[in-house]
Amino acid sequence: MSLVAVNDNTNGQRADYYQHPSGVLLLGDCLNAMRCLPKHSVNSIITDPPYGVNYRDRTGRSIANDVNLSWLQPAFAEMYRVLAPDSYAVCFYGFNRVDEFRSAWKGAGFRIAGPLAFVKEYASNKGKRSHTARCHENAVLLVKGNPPKSATPPSDVYGFSYSGNKLHPTQKPLTTMRQLVRDFSKPGDTVLDPFCGSGTTAPAAIMEDRDFYAVELAPTYFGNARQRLAAVAVPTPKPIPKSQLGSRSNVTPLRRIA
């Protein structure tokens, strides 16, 4: 994969990064990172951004930029710019601020193809007083342009096993992220995750014969993702059917980090 260097706008220094044979993991602000990417340079986006709820887990861990959503609209504008035409984006979100997310998605130019539900084996609010037990996660499938519809489309309901949250307070299960990668990208594609947390999207992409481009703002979670990626081997390349190569003509190649 060819990749782009990212500079920190505050001091002109190169951001910390980890280069894997299948992609790059960057430590820094995803807005700065995406602004350095060429237009139409990724084939798919799968991401779980902060929900703007000031979340803390039982151990007190928090998530960067989770207090307000001032970054939301500019981030999705950049995601739309770097995504190739006729492609998909999957975005997890919190239901209590869905109006702001919807405004950012539509303001950037995305169309909403439909909701995605992730059924848990447990209730995330167990032990708390509530109107309902929260036994699922929410995401939305967004489209840029008009990706072809399938005669056998994937289900909009996914399994969601407990990850243990050892590397991040909202760590997603690898099996679920691999399924999303399979459903909404093709072998050889580049998958972007601008809010990568512990980096689950990146190994999911590698294991499904895709490249990745991932960004994380918090040094602790970046370190966890870096260590995790170092243990992921590149699978033996498989021939890509000619029928799956057409969409890649829409993609602008990225430059390699020196």
C-alpha atoms as a PDB file:
ATOM      1  CA  MET A   1       0.000   0.000   0.000  1.00  0.00           C
ATOM      2  CA  SER A   2       1.149   3.553  -0.717  1.00  0.00           C
ATOM      3  CA  LEU A   3       0.643   5.990   2.135  1.00  0.00           C
ATOM      4  CA  VAL A   4       0.793   9.695   2.855  1.00  0.00           C
ATOM      5  CA  ALA A   5       2.927  11.523   5.434  1.00  0.00           C
ATOM      6  CA  VAL A   6       1.062  13.597   8.005  1.00  0.00           C
ATOM      7  CA  ASN A   7       2.489  16.694   9.678  1.00  0.00           C
ATOM      8  CA  ASP A   8       1.274  18.225  12.912  1.00  0.00           C
ATOM      9  CA  ASN A   9      -0.001  21.714  12.042  1.00  0.00           C
ATOM     10  CA  THR A  10       1.130  23.131  15.401  1.00  0.00           C
ATOM     11  CA  ASN A  11       4.855  22.507  15.078  1.00  0.00           C
ATOM     12  CA  GLY A  12       5.471  21.211  11.566  1.00  0.00           C
ATOM     13  CA  GLN A  13       6.787  17.875  12.868  1.00  0.00           C
ATOM     14  CA  ARG A  14       5.832  14.524  11.444  1.00  0.00           C
ATOM     15  CA  ALA A  15       3.168  12.764  13.506  1.00  0.00           C
ATOM     16  CA  ASP A  16       4.041   9.478  15.187  1.00  0.00           C
ATOM     17  CA  TYR A  17       2.946   6.508  13.119  1.00  0.00           C
ATOM     18  CA  TYR A  18       3.292   2.763  12.698  1.00  0.00           C
ATOM     19  CA  GLN A  19       3.792   1.356   9.203  1.00  0.00           C
ATOM     20  CA  HIS A  20       2.412  -2.129   8.585  1.00  0.00           C
ATOM     21  CA  PRO A  21       2.793  -3.883   5.217  1.00  0.00           C
ATOM     22  CA  SER A  22      -0.956  -3.466   4.750  1.00  0.00           C
ATOM     23  CA  GLY A  23      -1.325   0.131   5.897  1.00  0.00           C
ATOM     24  CA  VAL A  24      -0.491   2.850   8.366  1.00  0.00           C
ATOM     25  CA  LEU A  25      -1.631   3.769  11.874  1.00  0.00           C
ATOM     26  CA  LEU A  26      -1.258   7.447  12.807  1.00  0.00           C
ATOM     27  CA  LEU A  27      -1.225   9.189  16.179  1.00  0.00           C
ATOM     28  CA  GLY A  28      -2.919  12.559  15.846  1.00  0.00           C
ATOM     29  CA  ASP A  29      -5.983  14.565  14.940  1.00  0.00           C
ATOM     30  CA  CYS A  30      -7.948  12.815  12.202  1.00  0.00           C
ATOM     31  CA  LEU A  31      -8.903  16.147  10.631  1.00  0.00           C
ATOM     32  CA  ASN A  32      -5.228  16.975  10.030  1.00  0.00           C
ATOM     33  CA  ALA A  33      -4.609  13.432   8.800  1.00  0.00           C
ATOM     34  CA  MET A  34      -7.516  13.360   6.350  1.00  0.00           C
ATOM     35  CA  ARG A  35      -6.687  16.816   4.987  1.00  0.00           C
ATOM     36  CA  CYS A  36      -3.362  15.350   3.846  1.00  0.00           C
ATOM     37  CA  LEU A  37      -5.083  12.577   1.900  1.00  0.00           C
ATOM     38  CA  PRO A  38      -5.903  12.998  -1.781  1.00  0.00           C
ATOM     39  CA  LYS A  39      -9.505  13.162  -2.905  1.00  0.00           C
ATOM     40  CA  HIS A  40     -11.102   9.737  -3.532  1.00  0.00           C
ATOM     41  CA  SER A  41      -8.156   7.901  -1.943  1.00  0.00           C
ATOM     42  CA  VAL A  42     -10.027   5.289   0.133  1.00  0.00           C
ATOM     43  CA  ASN A  43     -12.640   2.720  -0.907  1.00  0.00           C
ATOM     44  CA  SER A  44     -14.560   2.253   2.343  1.00  0.00           C
ATOM     45  CA  ILE A  45     -14.929   3.849   5.782  1.00  0.00           C
ATOM     46  CA  ILE A  46     -15.782   1.867   8.921  1.00  0.00           C
ATOM     47  CA  THR A  47     -15.575   3.847  12.138  1.00  0.00           C
ATOM     48  CA  ASP A  48     -16.838   4.255  15.697  1.00  0.00           C
ATOM     49  CA  PRO A  49     -16.412   7.944  16.608  1.00  0.00           C
ATOM     50  CA  PRO A  50     -16.994   9.489  20.048  1.00  0.00           C
ATOM     51  CA  TYR A  51     -20.709   9.964  20.723  1.00  0.00           C
ATOM     52  CA  GLY A  52     -20.401  13.281  22.585  1.00  0.00           C
ATOM     53  CA  VAL A  53     -21.639  11.827  25.881  1.00  0.00           C
ATOM     54  CA  ASN A  54     -18.522  12.195  28.089  1.00  0.00           C
ATOM     55  CA  TYR A  55     -18.451   8.423  28.572  1.00  0.00           C
ATOM     56  CA  ARG A  56     -16.425   6.795  31.337  1.00  0.00           C
ATOM     57  CA  ASP A  57     -16.244   3.077  31.946  1.00  0.00           C
ATOM     58  CA  ARG A  58     -16.237   1.350  35.326  1.00  0.00           C
ATOM     59  CA  THR A  59     -12.490   1.876  35.684  1.00  0.00           C
ATOM     60  CA  GLY A  60     -12.681   5.592  34.867  1.00  0.00           C
ATOM     61  CA  ARG A  61     -11.273   5.386  31.330  1.00  0.00           C
ATOM     62  CA  SER A  62     -12.573   8.057  28.958  1.00  0.00           C
ATOM     63  CA  ILE A  63     -12.497   8.835  25.223  1.00  0.00           C
ATOM     64  CA  ALA A  64     -10.842  11.882  23.647  1.00  0.00           C
ATOM     65  CA  ASN A  65     -13.193  14.550  22.219  1.00  0.00           C
ATOM     66  CA  ASP A  66     -16.257  12.905  23.782  1.00  0.00           C
ATOM     67  CA  VAL A  67     -17.463  16.035  25.610  1.00  0.00           C
ATOM     68  CA  ASN A  68     -18.849  17.945  22.623  1.00  0.00           C
ATOM     69  CA  LEU A  69     -19.343  17.340  18.908  1.00  0.00           C
ATOM     70  CA  SER A  70     -17.750  20.485  17.451  1.00  0.00           C
ATOM     71  CA  TRP A  71     -15.504  18.258  15.289  1.00  0.00           C
ATOM     72  CA  LEU A  72     -18.385  16.227  13.852  1.00  0.00           C
ATOM     73  CA  GLN A  73     -19.333  18.192  10.727  1.00  0.00           C
ATOM     74  CA  PRO A  74     -15.764  18.953   9.527  1.00  0.00           C
ATOM     75  CA  ALA A  75     -14.749  15.318  10.116  1.00  0.00           C
ATOM     76  CA  PHE A  76     -17.565  13.935   7.983  1.00  0.00           C
ATOM     77  CA  ALA A  77     -16.916  16.536   5.294  1.00  0.00           C
ATOM     78  CA  GLU A  78     -13.341  15.206   5.046  1.00  0.00           C
ATOM     79  CA  MET A  79     -14.528  11.588   5.097  1.00  0.00           C
ATOM     80  CA  TYR A  80     -16.825  12.326   2.179  1.00  0.00           C
ATOM     81  CA  ARG A  81     -14.014  14.038   0.257  1.00  0.00           C
ATOM     82  CA  VAL A  82     -11.504  11.201   0.612  1.00  0.00           C
ATOM     83  CA  LEU A  83     -14.012   8.408  -0.072  1.00  0.00           C
ATOM     84  CA  ALA A  84     -14.141   7.132  -3.654  1.00  0.00           C
ATOM     85  CA  PRO A  85     -17.401   7.596  -5.596  1.00  0.00           C
ATOM     86  CA  ASP A  86     -20.027   4.844  -5.355  1.00  0.00           C
ATOM     87  CA  SER A  87     -18.719   3.594  -2.006  1.00  0.00           C
ATOM     88  CA  TYR A  88     -19.934   2.827   1.518  1.00  0.00           C
ATOM     89  CA  ALA A  89     -19.278   4.228   4.984  1.00  0.00           C
ATOM     90  CA  VAL A  90     -20.368   2.558   8.224  1.00  0.00           C
ATOM     91  CA  CYS A  91     -20.652   4.794  11.291  1.00  0.00           C
ATOM     92  CA  PHE A  92     -21.532   3.748  14.827  1.00  0.00           C
ATOM     93  CA  TYR A  93     -23.359   6.439  16.816  1.00  0.00           C
ATOM     94  CA  GLY A  94     -25.207   7.147  20.058  1.00  0.00           C
ATOM     95  CA  PHE A  95     -29.001   7.365  19.822  1.00  0.00           C
ATOM     96  CA  ASN A  96     -29.217  10.314  22.235  1.00  0.00           C
ATOM     97  CA  ARG A  97     -27.368  12.609  19.772  1.00  0.00           C
ATOM     98  CA  VAL A  98     -28.565  11.109  16.526  1.00  0.00           C
ATOM     99  CA  ASP A  99     -29.925  14.446  15.250  1.00  0.00           C
ATOM    100  CA  GLU A 100     -26.437  15.977  15.267  1.00  0.00           C
ATOM    101  CA  PHE A 101     -24.933  12.926  13.591  1.00  0.00           C
ATOM    102  CA  ARG A 102     -27.650  12.891  10.943  1.00  0.00           C
ATOM    103  CA  SER A 103     -27.034  16.580  10.232  1.00  0.00           C
ATOM    104  CA  ALA A 104     -23.294  15.929   9.800  1.00  0.00           C
ATOM    105  CA  TRP A 105     -23.842  12.933   7.506  1.00  0.00           C
ATOM    106  CA  LYS A 106     -26.279  14.743   5.251  1.00  0.00           C
ATOM    107  CA  GLY A 107     -24.378  18.033   5.360  1.00  0.00           C
ATOM    108  CA  ALA A 108     -21.271  16.244   4.075  1.00  0.00           C
ATOM    109  CA  GLY A 109     -23.197  14.761   1.146  1.00  0.00           C
ATOM    110  CA  PHE A 110     -23.811  11.205   2.340  1.00  0.00           C
ATOM    111  CA  ARG A 111     -27.125   9.454   1.783  1.00  0.00           C
ATOM    112  CA  ILE A 112     -28.443   7.166   4.494  1.00  0.00           C
ATOM    113  CA  ALA A 113     -28.930   3.669   3.068  1.00  0.00           C
ATOM    114  CA  GLY A 114     -30.319   2.247   6.295  1.00  0.00           C
ATOM    115  CA  PRO A 115     -29.713   1.379   9.952  1.00  0.00           C
ATOM    116  CA  LEU A 116     -27.501  -1.437  11.192  1.00  0.00           C
ATOM    117  CA  ALA A 117     -28.179  -3.217  14.495  1.00  0.00           C
ATOM    118  CA  PHE A 118     -25.624  -5.154  16.550  1.00  0.00           C
ATOM    119  CA  VAL A 119     -27.243  -7.545  18.994  1.00  0.00           C
ATOM    120  CA  LYS A 120     -25.315  -8.056  22.216  1.00  0.00           C
ATOM    121  CA  GLU A 121     -25.161 -11.076  24.477  1.00  0.00           C
ATOM    122  CA  TYR A 122     -25.528  -8.730  27.453  1.00  0.00           C
ATOM    123  CA  ALA A 123     -27.068  -5.396  28.502  1.00  0.00           C
ATOM    124  CA  SER A 124     -24.584  -2.519  28.563  1.00  0.00           C
ATOM    125  CA  ASN A 125     -26.609  -0.770  31.301  1.00  0.00           C
ATOM    126  CA  LYS A 126     -26.906  -3.818  33.534  1.00  0.00           C
ATOM    127  CA  GLY A 127     -27.366  -2.813  37.177  1.00  0.00           C
ATOM    128  CA  LYS A 128     -28.690   0.662  36.317  1.00  0.00           C
ATOM    129  CA  ARG A 129     -32.264   1.896  36.473  1.00  0.00           C
ATOM    130  CA  SER A 130     -33.602   2.349  32.943  1.00  0.00           C
ATOM    131  CA  HIS A 131     -36.687   2.075  30.742  1.00  0.00           C
ATOM    132  CA  THR A 132     -35.060  -0.716  28.705  1.00  0.00           C
ATOM    133  CA  ALA A 133     -32.068  -3.037  28.876  1.00  0.00           C
ATOM    134  CA  ARG A 134     -29.633  -1.842  26.208  1.00  0.00           C
ATOM    135  CA  CYS A 135     -28.872  -5.029  24.331  1.00  0.00           C
ATOM    136  CA  HIS A 136     -27.794  -3.637  20.979  1.00  0.00           C
ATOM    137  CA  GLU A 137     -25.443  -1.105  19.385  1.00  0.00           C
ATOM    138  CA  ASN A 138     -26.435   1.326  16.614  1.00  0.00           C
ATOM    139  CA  ALA A 139     -24.720   2.107  13.335  1.00  0.00           C
ATOM    140  CA  VAL A 140     -25.794   3.512   9.991  1.00  0.00           C
ATOM    141  CA  LEU A 141     -24.854   2.555   6.460  1.00  0.00           C
ATOM    142  CA  LEU A 142     -23.992   5.654   4.422  1.00  0.00           C
ATOM    143  CA  VAL A 143     -23.437   5.835   0.688  1.00  0.00           C
ATOM    144  CA  LYS A 144     -21.550   8.231  -1.558  1.00  0.00           C
ATOM    145  CA  GLY A 145     -22.898   8.149  -5.079  1.00  0.00           C
ATOM    146  CA  ASN A 146     -24.631   4.974  -6.182  1.00  0.00           C
ATOM    147  CA  PRO A 147     -22.828   1.755  -5.280  1.00  0.00           C
ATOM    148  CA  PRO A 148     -24.430  -1.208  -7.052  1.00  0.00           C
ATOM    149  CA  LYS A 149     -27.153  -3.026  -5.153  1.00  0.00           C
ATOM    150  CA  SER A 150     -26.763  -6.750  -4.555  1.00  0.00           C
ATOM    151  CA  ALA A 151     -29.280  -9.469  -5.375  1.00  0.00           C
ATOM    152  CA  THR A 152     -28.174 -11.107  -2.103  1.00  0.00           C
ATOM    153  CA  PRO A 153     -27.520  -8.162   0.234  1.00  0.00           C
ATOM    154  CA  PRO A 154     -26.018  -8.661   3.698  1.00  0.00           C
ATOM    155  CA  SER A 155     -28.277  -8.617   6.728  1.00  0.00           C
ATOM    156  CA  ASP A 156     -28.685  -5.354   8.613  1.00  0.00           C
ATOM    157  CA  VAL A 157     -28.507  -7.274  11.920  1.00  0.00           C
ATOM    158  CA  TYR A 158     -25.123  -8.430  13.246  1.00  0.00           C
ATOM    159  CA  GLY A 159     -23.906 -10.411  16.224  1.00  0.00           C
ATOM    160  CA  PHE A 160     -21.900  -8.538  18.838  1.00  0.00           C
ATOM    161  CA  SER A 161     -19.897 -10.637  21.292  1.00  0.00           C
ATOM    162  CA  TYR A 162     -18.282  -9.031  24.320  1.00  0.00           C
ATOM    163  CA  SER A 163     -14.724  -7.938  23.479  1.00  0.00           C
ATOM    164  CA  GLY A 164     -13.668  -7.556  27.116  1.00  0.00           C
ATOM    165  CA  ASN A 165     -12.788  -3.884  26.508  1.00  0.00           C
ATOM    166  CA  LYS A 166      -9.219  -4.569  27.621  1.00  0.00           C
ATOM    167  CA  LEU A 167      -7.613  -2.216  25.099  1.00  0.00           C
ATOM    168  CA  HIS A 168     -10.295   0.502  24.909  1.00  0.00           C
ATOM    169  CA  PRO A 169     -13.471   1.325  26.890  1.00  0.00           C
ATOM    170  CA  THR A 170     -15.700   0.775  23.826  1.00  0.00           C
ATOM    171  CA  GLN A 171     -13.654  -1.875  22.023  1.00  0.00           C
ATOM    172  CA  LYS A 172     -15.562  -3.561  19.181  1.00  0.00           C
ATOM    173  CA  PRO A 173     -15.411  -7.348  18.588  1.00  0.00           C
ATOM    174  CA  LEU A 174     -13.042  -8.375  15.822  1.00  0.00           C
ATOM    175  CA  THR A 175     -15.470 -10.903  14.316  1.00  0.00           C
ATOM    176  CA  THR A 176     -18.115  -8.198  13.827  1.00  0.00           C
ATOM    177  CA  MET A 177     -15.668  -5.741  12.269  1.00  0.00           C
ATOM    178  CA  ARG A 178     -14.397  -8.418   9.886  1.00  0.00           C
ATOM    179  CA  GLN A 179     -17.959  -9.031   8.750  1.00  0.00           C
ATOM    180  CA  LEU A 180     -18.479  -5.315   8.102  1.00  0.00           C
ATOM    181  CA  VAL A 181     -15.258  -5.226   6.088  1.00  0.00           C
ATOM    182  CA  ARG A 182     -16.434  -8.176   3.982  1.00  0.00           C
ATOM    183  CA  ASP A 183     -19.897  -6.702   3.472  1.00  0.00           C
ATOM    184  CA  PHE A 184     -18.920  -3.147   2.489  1.00  0.00           C
ATOM    185  CA  SER A 185     -15.556  -3.377   0.725  1.00  0.00           C
ATOM    186  CA  LYS A 186     -13.754  -5.619  -1.751  1.00  0.00           C
ATOM    187  CA  PRO A 187     -10.438  -7.505  -1.557  1.00  0.00           C
ATOM    188  CA  GLY A 188      -7.606  -5.098  -2.305  1.00  0.00           C
ATOM    189  CA  ASP A 189      -9.564  -2.035  -1.159  1.00  0.00           C
ATOM    190  CA  THR A 190      -8.292   0.544   1.324  1.00  0.00           C
ATOM    191  CA  VAL A 191     -10.455   0.890   4.458  1.00  0.00           C
ATOM    192  CA  LEU A 192     -10.289   4.113   6.478  1.00  0.00           C
ATOM    193  CA  ASP A 193     -10.985   4.387  10.212  1.00  0.00           C
ATOM    194  CA  PRO A 194     -10.350   7.964  11.413  1.00  0.00           C
ATOM    195  CA  PHE A 195     -11.405   7.158  15.018  1.00  0.00           C
ATOM    196  CA  CYS A 196      -9.689   3.807  15.398  1.00  0.00           C
ATOM    197  CA  GLY A 197      -9.431   3.469  19.196  1.00  0.00           C
ATOM    198  CA  SER A 198      -7.646   0.194  19.874  1.00  0.00           C
ATOM    199  CA  GLY A 199      -7.423  -0.389  16.121  1.00  0.00           C
ATOM    200  CA  THR A 200      -9.937  -3.215  15.587  1.00  0.00           C
ATOM    201  CA  THR A 201     -10.830  -2.079  12.056  1.00  0.00           C
ATOM    202  CA  ALA A 202      -7.199  -2.358  10.933  1.00  0.00           C
ATOM    203  CA  PRO A 203      -6.604  -6.054  11.762  1.00  0.00           C
ATOM    204  CA  ALA A 204     -10.106  -6.783  10.446  1.00  0.00           C
ATOM    205  CA  ALA A 205      -9.101  -5.218   7.117  1.00  0.00           C
ATOM    206  CA  ILE A 206      -5.775  -7.094   7.012  1.00  0.00           C
ATOM    207  CA  MET A 207      -7.443 -10.436   7.726  1.00  0.00           C
ATOM    208  CA  GLU A 208      -9.904  -9.835   4.887  1.00  0.00           C
ATOM    209  CA  ASP A 209      -7.195  -8.968   2.314  1.00  0.00           C
ATOM    210  CA  ARG A 210      -7.728  -5.205   2.458  1.00  0.00           C
ATOM    211  CA  ASP A 211      -5.373  -2.341   3.197  1.00  0.00           C
ATOM    212  CA  PHE A 212      -6.099   0.158   5.969  1.00  0.00           C
ATOM    213  CA  TYR A 213      -5.510   3.749   7.009  1.00  0.00           C
ATOM    214  CA  ALA A 214      -6.227   4.392  10.687  1.00  0.00           C
ATOM    215  CA  VAL A 215      -5.918   7.405  13.004  1.00  0.00           C
ATOM    216  CA  GLU A 216      -6.140   7.661  16.802  1.00  0.00           C
ATOM    217  CA  LEU A 217      -5.851  10.808  18.916  1.00  0.00           C
ATOM    218  CA  ALA A 218      -5.113   9.318  22.360  1.00  0.00           C
ATOM    219  CA  PRO A 219      -1.503   8.104  22.856  1.00  0.00           C
ATOM    220  CA  THR A 220      -2.546   5.236  25.165  1.00  0.00           C
ATOM    221  CA  TYR A 221      -4.999   3.741  22.673  1.00  0.00           C
ATOM    222  CA  PHE A 222      -2.599   4.402  19.796  1.00  0.00           C
ATOM    223  CA  GLY A 223       0.005   2.386  21.692  1.00  0.00           C
ATOM    224  CA  ASN A 224      -2.459  -0.458  22.207  1.00  0.00           C
ATOM    225  CA  ALA A 225      -3.386  -0.437  18.527  1.00  0.00           C
ATOM    226  CA  ARG A 226       0.272  -0.323  17.485  1.00  0.00           C
ATOM    227  CA  GLN A 227       1.173  -3.320  19.626  1.00  0.00           C
ATOM    228  CA  ARG A 228      -1.858  -5.166  18.324  1.00  0.00           C
ATOM    229  CA  LEU A 229      -1.009  -4.513  14.674  1.00  0.00           C
ATOM    230  CA  ALA A 230       2.590  -5.620  15.136  1.00  0.00           C
ATOM    231  CA  ALA A 231       1.266  -9.115  15.849  1.00  0.00           C
ATOM    232  CA  VAL A 232      -0.949  -9.303  12.747  1.00  0.00           C
ATOM    233  CA  ALA A 233       0.646 -11.064   9.794  1.00  0.00           C
ATOM    234  CA  VAL A 234      -0.216 -10.213   6.204  1.00  0.00           C
ATOM    235  CA  PRO A 235      -2.265 -13.050   4.682  1.00  0.00           C
ATOM    236  CA  THR A 236      -1.102 -14.776   1.527  1.00  0.00           C
ATOM    237  CA  PRO A 237      -2.402 -12.656  -1.366  1.00  0.00           C
ATOM    238  CA  LYS A 238      -5.355 -14.097  -3.255  1.00  0.00           C
ATOM    239  CA  PRO A 239      -6.068 -13.317  -6.913  1.00  0.00           C
ATOM    240  CA  ILE A 240      -8.697 -10.576  -7.198  1.00  0.00           C
ATOM    241  CA  PRO A 241     -11.384 -11.430  -9.786  1.00  0.00           C
ATOM    242  CA  LYS A 242     -11.477  -8.987 -12.682  1.00  0.00           C
ATOM    243  CA  SER A 243     -15.131  -8.311 -11.856  1.00  0.00           C
ATOM    244  CA  GLN A 244     -14.019  -6.734  -8.554  1.00  0.00           C
ATOM    245  CA  LEU A 245     -11.321  -4.481  -9.996  1.00  0.00           C
ATOM    246  CA  GLY A 246     -13.508  -1.943 -11.745  1.00  0.00           C
ATOM    247  CA  SER A 247     -14.304   0.273  -8.743  1.00  0.00           C
ATOM    248  CA  ARG A 248     -10.618   0.790  -7.984  1.00  0.00           C
ATOM    249  CA  SER A 249     -10.272   2.994 -11.053  1.00  0.00           C
ATOM    250  CA  ASN A 250     -12.066   5.667  -9.000  1.00  0.00           C
ATOM    251  CA  VAL A 251      -9.359   5.713  -6.353  1.00  0.00           C
ATOM    252  CA  THR A 252      -6.473   8.184  -6.200  1.00  0.00           C
ATOM    253  CA  PRO A 253      -3.272   6.377  -5.052  1.00  0.00           C
ATOM    254  CA  LEU A 254      -1.733   7.589  -1.787  1.00  0.00           C
ATOM    255  CA  ARG A 255       1.918   8.546  -1.429  1.00  0.00           C
ATOM    256  CA  ARG A 256       4.296   6.448   0.643  1.00  0.00           C
ATOM    257  CA  ILE A 257       5.651   7.780   3.927  1.00  0.00           C
ATOM    258  CA  ALA A 258       9.370   8.432   3.592  1.00  0.00           C
END
